[in-house]
Amino acid sequence: MRITSDLQQEIALLHAQVCQGLADPKRILLLYALAEGPRRVTDLAETLGVPQPTVSHHLKILRERGLVTAEQEGTAVYYALADGRVIQALDLLRDVLRDQLALRSGLVEQMSVVGR
């Protein structure tokens, strides 16, 4: 793939919008919790075992980055994934991480066998 100015602009936007939104593990956990369906802040706080103000803060960031939506129903606000593909992307990244860890583990095992 050629590195063009369009690609550079798109990557900068990807970083600003998506990557920074995923920069905290709690936000990733929130996205996984929302993959099950729309939830209220209090439900999410209970699920994650995190104080409600913390959840609200992270949801605000995710909403600003376009990763979640908020819809008011009466007095309750329900948050939902803006695009389910973000979970597929996270799952793919988790697969990459697992493969890297398995490779490293295999290399360590090989080194320990050689060192005997």
N, C-alpha and C. Protein backbone atom coordinates (compact mmCIF):
# COMPACT_ATOMS: atom_id res chain seq x y z
N MET A 1 0.84 -1.18 0.00
CA MET A 1 0.00 0.00 0.00
C MET A 1 0.89 1.24 0.00
N ARG A 2 0.54 2.15 -0.86
CA ARG A 2 1.30 3.41 -0.94
C ARG A 2 0.86 4.35 0.18
N ILE A 3 1.83 5.04 0.74
CA ILE A 3 1.56 6.04 1.77
C ILE A 3 1.27 7.35 1.05
N THR A 4 0.01 7.69 0.95
CA THR A 4 -0.41 8.92 0.29
C THR A 4 -0.83 9.93 1.34
N SER A 5 -1.02 11.16 0.93
CA SER A 5 -1.49 12.19 1.88
C SER A 5 -2.91 11.86 2.36
N ASP A 6 -3.73 11.26 1.47
CA ASP A 6 -5.07 10.85 1.89
C ASP A 6 -5.00 9.79 2.98
N LEU A 7 -4.10 8.82 2.80
CA LEU A 7 -3.94 7.78 3.81
C LEU A 7 -3.45 8.38 5.12
N GLN A 8 -2.50 9.29 5.04
CA GLN A 8 -1.99 9.93 6.25
C GLN A 8 -3.10 10.69 6.98
N GLN A 9 -3.94 11.39 6.24
CA GLN A 9 -5.06 12.10 6.87
C GLN A 9 -6.05 11.13 7.50
N GLU A 10 -6.33 10.05 6.79
CA GLU A 10 -7.26 9.06 7.32
C GLU A 10 -6.72 8.41 8.59
N ILE A 11 -5.42 8.10 8.61
CA ILE A 11 -4.80 7.50 9.80
C ILE A 11 -4.82 8.49 10.97
N ALA A 12 -4.57 9.75 10.71
CA ALA A 12 -4.62 10.76 11.77
C ALA A 12 -6.02 10.84 12.35
N LEU A 13 -7.03 10.79 11.49
CA LEU A 13 -8.42 10.81 11.95
C LEU A 13 -8.77 9.54 12.71
N LEU A 14 -8.30 8.40 12.21
CA LEU A 14 -8.52 7.13 12.90
C LEU A 14 -7.94 7.18 14.31
N HIS A 15 -6.74 7.72 14.41
CA HIS A 15 -6.10 7.82 15.72
C HIS A 15 -6.89 8.74 16.64
N ALA A 16 -7.28 9.89 16.14
CA ALA A 16 -8.00 10.87 16.96
C ALA A 16 -9.37 10.35 17.37
N GLN A 17 -10.08 9.72 16.46
CA GLN A 17 -11.45 9.30 16.73
C GLN A 17 -11.53 7.95 17.44
N VAL A 18 -10.87 6.96 16.88
CA VAL A 18 -11.06 5.60 17.38
C VAL A 18 -9.99 5.20 18.39
N CYS A 19 -8.74 5.32 18.02
CA CYS A 19 -7.66 4.84 18.90
C CYS A 19 -7.66 5.54 20.25
N GLN A 20 -7.84 6.84 20.25
CA GLN A 20 -7.88 7.55 21.53
C GLN A 20 -9.12 7.15 22.33
N GLY A 21 -10.19 6.82 21.64
CA GLY A 21 -11.38 6.33 22.33
C GLY A 21 -11.16 4.99 22.99
N LEU A 22 -10.26 4.19 22.44
CA LEU A 22 -9.98 2.86 22.96
C LEU A 22 -8.77 2.85 23.91
N ALA A 23 -8.25 4.01 24.23
CA ALA A 23 -7.00 4.11 24.97
C ALA A 23 -7.09 3.70 26.43
N ASP A 24 -8.28 3.45 26.93
CA ASP A 24 -8.45 3.04 28.33
C ASP A 24 -9.15 1.69 28.37
N PRO A 25 -8.62 0.74 29.12
CA PRO A 25 -9.24 -0.59 29.19
C PRO A 25 -10.70 -0.55 29.64
N LYS A 26 -11.06 0.39 30.50
CA LYS A 26 -12.46 0.48 30.95
C LYS A 26 -13.39 0.80 29.78
N ARG A 27 -12.91 1.61 28.86
CA ARG A 27 -13.75 1.95 27.70
C ARG A 27 -13.95 0.73 26.80
N ILE A 28 -12.91 -0.08 26.67
CA ILE A 28 -13.05 -1.30 25.87
C ILE A 28 -14.03 -2.25 26.55
N LEU A 29 -13.94 -2.36 27.87
CA LEU A 29 -14.89 -3.20 28.60
C LEU A 29 -16.32 -2.67 28.45
N LEU A 30 -16.47 -1.36 28.46
CA LEU A 30 -17.80 -0.78 28.24
C LEU A 30 -18.35 -1.17 26.88
N LEU A 31 -17.49 -1.12 25.86
CA LEU A 31 -17.93 -1.50 24.52
C LEU A 31 -18.38 -2.96 24.49
N TYR A 32 -17.62 -3.83 25.15
CA TYR A 32 -18.03 -5.24 25.20
C TYR A 32 -19.34 -5.41 25.95
N ALA A 33 -19.53 -4.66 27.03
CA ALA A 33 -20.80 -4.74 27.76
C ALA A 33 -21.95 -4.27 26.89
N LEU A 34 -21.71 -3.24 26.10
CA LEU A 34 -22.76 -2.72 25.21
C LEU A 34 -23.02 -3.62 24.01
N ALA A 35 -22.10 -4.53 23.73
CA ALA A 35 -22.31 -5.48 22.63
C ALA A 35 -23.51 -6.39 22.93
N GLU A 36 -23.84 -6.51 24.20
CA GLU A 36 -24.98 -7.33 24.60
C GLU A 36 -26.30 -6.60 24.40
N GLY A 37 -26.24 -5.30 24.17
CA GLY A 37 -27.44 -4.50 23.96
C GLY A 37 -27.37 -3.20 24.72
N PRO A 38 -28.30 -2.29 24.43
CA PRO A 38 -28.31 -0.99 25.11
C PRO A 38 -28.42 -1.14 26.62
N ARG A 39 -27.70 -0.27 27.32
CA ARG A 39 -27.68 -0.34 28.79
C ARG A 39 -27.66 1.07 29.37
N ARG A 40 -28.14 1.17 30.60
CA ARG A 40 -28.08 2.43 31.35
C ARG A 40 -26.74 2.53 32.07
N VAL A 41 -26.36 3.74 32.43
CA VAL A 41 -25.10 3.97 33.13
C VAL A 41 -25.04 3.14 34.41
N THR A 42 -26.12 3.13 35.16
CA THR A 42 -26.11 2.40 36.44
C THR A 42 -25.91 0.90 36.21
N ASP A 43 -26.51 0.36 35.14
CA ASP A 43 -26.32 -1.06 34.82
C ASP A 43 -24.86 -1.33 34.45
N LEU A 44 -24.30 -0.44 33.66
CA LEU A 44 -22.90 -0.61 33.25
C LEU A 44 -21.95 -0.50 34.44
N ALA A 45 -22.23 0.43 35.33
CA ALA A 45 -21.39 0.60 36.53
C ALA A 45 -21.42 -0.67 37.36
N GLU A 46 -22.58 -1.25 37.51
CA GLU A 46 -22.72 -2.49 38.29
C GLU A 46 -21.99 -3.64 37.59
N THR A 47 -22.15 -3.75 36.29
CA THR A 47 -21.52 -4.83 35.53
C THR A 47 -20.00 -4.76 35.63
N LEU A 48 -19.45 -3.56 35.51
CA LEU A 48 -18.00 -3.39 35.53
C LEU A 48 -17.42 -3.23 36.93
N GLY A 49 -18.28 -2.99 37.91
CA GLY A 49 -17.79 -2.76 39.26
C GLY A 49 -17.01 -1.47 39.37
N VAL A 50 -17.48 -0.45 38.64
CA VAL A 50 -16.82 0.85 38.57
C VAL A 50 -17.83 1.90 39.01
N PRO A 51 -17.40 2.94 39.73
CA PRO A 51 -18.35 3.98 40.15
C PRO A 51 -19.06 4.62 38.95
N GLN A 52 -20.32 4.99 39.16
CA GLN A 52 -21.14 5.58 38.10
C GLN A 52 -20.51 6.82 37.48
N PRO A 53 -19.91 7.73 38.26
CA PRO A 53 -19.28 8.90 37.62
C PRO A 53 -18.14 8.51 36.67
N THR A 54 -17.41 7.48 37.01
CA THR A 54 -16.32 7.00 36.14
C THR A 54 -16.89 6.47 34.83
N VAL A 55 -17.96 5.68 34.93
CA VAL A 55 -18.61 5.14 33.74
C VAL A 55 -19.14 6.29 32.87
N SER A 56 -19.78 7.26 33.50
CA SER A 56 -20.31 8.41 32.75
C SER A 56 -19.19 9.14 32.02
N HIS A 57 -18.07 9.32 32.68
CA HIS A 57 -16.92 9.99 32.05
C HIS A 57 -16.46 9.23 30.81
N HIS A 58 -16.30 7.93 30.94
CA HIS A 58 -15.83 7.12 29.81
C HIS A 58 -16.87 7.07 28.69
N LEU A 59 -18.14 7.00 29.04
CA LEU A 59 -19.19 7.01 28.02
C LEU A 59 -19.20 8.33 27.25
N LYS A 60 -18.92 9.42 27.95
CA LYS A 60 -18.86 10.72 27.29
C LYS A 60 -17.76 10.71 26.22
N ILE A 61 -16.61 10.17 26.57
CA ILE A 61 -15.50 10.09 25.61
C ILE A 61 -15.87 9.20 24.43
N LEU A 62 -16.47 8.05 24.72
CA LEU A 62 -16.87 7.14 23.65
C LEU A 62 -17.93 7.78 22.75
N ARG A 63 -18.83 8.52 23.35
CA ARG A 63 -19.88 9.21 22.57
C ARG A 63 -19.27 10.31 21.70
N GLU A 64 -18.34 11.07 22.25
CA GLU A 64 -17.67 12.14 21.49
C GLU A 64 -16.89 11.57 20.31
N ARG A 65 -16.40 10.36 20.44
CA ARG A 65 -15.62 9.72 19.38
C ARG A 65 -16.50 8.94 18.42
N GLY A 66 -17.80 8.94 18.66
CA GLY A 66 -18.74 8.27 17.75
C GLY A 66 -18.79 6.76 17.90
N LEU A 67 -18.29 6.25 19.03
CA LEU A 67 -18.28 4.80 19.24
C LEU A 67 -19.54 4.29 19.92
N VAL A 68 -20.23 5.17 20.65
CA VAL A 68 -21.50 4.80 21.27
C VAL A 68 -22.52 5.90 21.00
N THR A 69 -23.77 5.53 21.12
CA THR A 69 -24.86 6.49 21.00
C THR A 69 -25.61 6.51 22.33
N ALA A 70 -26.35 7.58 22.55
CA ALA A 70 -27.17 7.71 23.75
C ALA A 70 -28.58 8.06 23.33
N GLU A 71 -29.54 7.37 23.92
CA GLU A 71 -30.95 7.63 23.60
C GLU A 71 -31.74 7.69 24.90
N GLN A 72 -32.46 8.78 25.04
CA GLN A 72 -33.26 8.97 26.24
C GLN A 72 -34.62 8.30 26.10
N GLU A 73 -34.98 7.53 27.12
CA GLU A 73 -36.31 6.92 27.19
C GLU A 73 -36.89 7.30 28.55
N GLY A 74 -37.78 8.26 28.54
CA GLY A 74 -38.30 8.78 29.81
C GLY A 74 -37.19 9.47 30.56
N THR A 75 -36.95 9.02 31.79
CA THR A 75 -35.87 9.62 32.58
C THR A 75 -34.56 8.88 32.43
N ALA A 76 -34.58 7.73 31.76
CA ALA A 76 -33.38 6.92 31.60
C ALA A 76 -32.69 7.21 30.27
N VAL A 77 -31.37 7.12 30.28
CA VAL A 77 -30.58 7.25 29.06
C VAL A 77 -29.94 5.88 28.80
N TYR A 78 -30.18 5.38 27.61
CA TYR A 78 -29.62 4.08 27.22
C TYR A 78 -28.47 4.31 26.23
N TYR A 79 -27.36 3.66 26.50
CA TYR A 79 -26.19 3.74 25.63
C TYR A 79 -26.12 2.47 24.81
N ALA A 80 -25.67 2.62 23.57
CA ALA A 80 -25.55 1.49 22.66
C ALA A 80 -24.33 1.67 21.77
N LEU A 81 -23.85 0.57 21.22
CA LEU A 81 -22.77 0.64 20.25
C LEU A 81 -23.25 1.40 19.02
N ALA A 82 -22.42 2.27 18.52
CA ALA A 82 -22.76 2.98 17.29
C ALA A 82 -22.57 2.08 16.08
N ASP A 83 -21.62 1.16 16.17
CA ASP A 83 -21.32 0.25 15.06
C ASP A 83 -20.74 -1.04 15.65
N GLY A 84 -21.45 -2.13 15.45
CA GLY A 84 -21.02 -3.41 16.00
C GLY A 84 -19.69 -3.91 15.48
N ARG A 85 -19.24 -3.35 14.36
CA ARG A 85 -17.95 -3.79 13.81
C ARG A 85 -16.79 -3.47 14.74
N VAL A 86 -16.99 -2.53 15.66
CA VAL A 86 -15.89 -2.20 16.58
C VAL A 86 -15.58 -3.43 17.44
N ILE A 87 -16.57 -4.24 17.76
CA ILE A 87 -16.33 -5.45 18.54
C ILE A 87 -15.55 -6.46 17.70
N GLN A 88 -15.90 -6.56 16.42
CA GLN A 88 -15.14 -7.45 15.53
C GLN A 88 -13.68 -7.01 15.46
N ALA A 89 -13.46 -5.71 15.38
CA ALA A 89 -12.09 -5.18 15.33
C ALA A 89 -11.35 -5.48 16.63
N LEU A 90 -12.02 -5.30 17.76
CA LEU A 90 -11.39 -5.61 19.05
C LEU A 90 -11.09 -7.09 19.17
N ASP A 91 -12.01 -7.93 18.72
CA ASP A 91 -11.78 -9.38 18.76
C ASP A 91 -10.58 -9.76 17.90
N LEU A 92 -10.46 -9.13 16.75
CA LEU A 92 -9.32 -9.39 15.87
C LEU A 92 -8.01 -8.97 16.55
N LEU A 93 -8.01 -7.82 17.19
CA LEU A 93 -6.82 -7.37 17.91
C LEU A 93 -6.49 -8.31 19.07
N ARG A 94 -7.51 -8.83 19.74
CA ARG A 94 -7.28 -9.80 20.82
C ARG A 94 -6.67 -11.09 20.26
N ASP A 95 -7.10 -11.50 19.07
CA ASP A 95 -6.51 -12.68 18.42
C ASP A 95 -5.03 -12.45 18.12
N VAL A 96 -4.71 -11.27 17.62
CA VAL A 96 -3.32 -10.92 17.34
C VAL A 96 -2.51 -10.99 18.63
N LEU A 97 -3.03 -10.43 19.70
CA LEU A 97 -2.34 -10.44 20.98
C LEU A 97 -2.12 -11.87 21.47
N ARG A 98 -3.16 -12.72 21.39
CA ARG A 98 -3.02 -14.12 21.80
C ARG A 98 -1.92 -14.82 21.01
N ASP A 99 -1.89 -14.58 19.68
CA ASP A 99 -0.86 -15.20 18.85
C ASP A 99 0.53 -14.70 19.23
N GLN A 100 0.65 -13.41 19.52
CA GLN A 100 1.95 -12.87 19.93
C GLN A 100 2.40 -13.49 21.25
N LEU A 101 1.47 -13.60 22.19
CA LEU A 101 1.81 -14.18 23.49
C LEU A 101 2.18 -15.65 23.35
N ALA A 102 1.46 -16.38 22.50
CA ALA A 102 1.78 -17.79 22.28
C ALA A 102 3.16 -17.93 21.64
N LEU A 103 3.47 -17.06 20.68
CA LEU A 103 4.78 -17.09 20.04
C LEU A 103 5.87 -16.82 21.06
N ARG A 104 5.68 -15.82 21.87
CA ARG A 104 6.68 -15.49 22.90
C ARG A 104 6.85 -16.63 23.88
N SER A 105 5.74 -17.22 24.27
CA SER A 105 5.78 -18.34 25.20
C SER A 105 6.54 -19.51 24.59
N GLY A 106 6.29 -19.77 23.31
CA GLY A 106 7.00 -20.84 22.61
C GLY A 106 8.49 -20.56 22.52
N LEU A 107 8.86 -19.32 22.28
CA LEU A 107 10.28 -18.95 22.21
C LEU A 107 10.95 -19.13 23.56
N VAL A 108 10.25 -18.76 24.62
CA VAL A 108 10.81 -18.91 25.97
C VAL A 108 11.00 -20.38 26.27
N GLU A 109 10.01 -21.21 25.91
CA GLU A 109 10.13 -22.65 26.13
C GLU A 109 11.31 -23.23 25.35
N GLN A 110 11.47 -22.81 24.10
CA GLN A 110 12.58 -23.28 23.29
C GLN A 110 13.92 -22.88 23.90
N MET A 111 13.99 -21.66 24.39
CA MET A 111 15.23 -21.18 25.00
C MET A 111 15.55 -21.96 26.27
N SER A 112 14.52 -22.29 27.04
CA SER A 112 14.78 -23.04 28.28
C SER A 112 15.22 -24.45 28.00
N VAL A 113 14.73 -25.05 26.91
CA VAL A 113 15.15 -26.40 26.52
C VAL A 113 16.59 -26.37 26.04
N VAL A 114 16.94 -25.37 25.25
CA VAL A 114 18.30 -25.23 24.72
C VAL A 114 19.29 -24.97 25.87
N GLY A 115 18.86 -24.25 26.87
CA GLY A 115 19.74 -23.88 27.98
C GLY A 115 19.98 -25.01 28.97
N ARG A 116 19.31 -26.11 28.82
CA ARG A 116 19.49 -27.24 29.77
C ARG A 116 20.73 -28.03 29.49
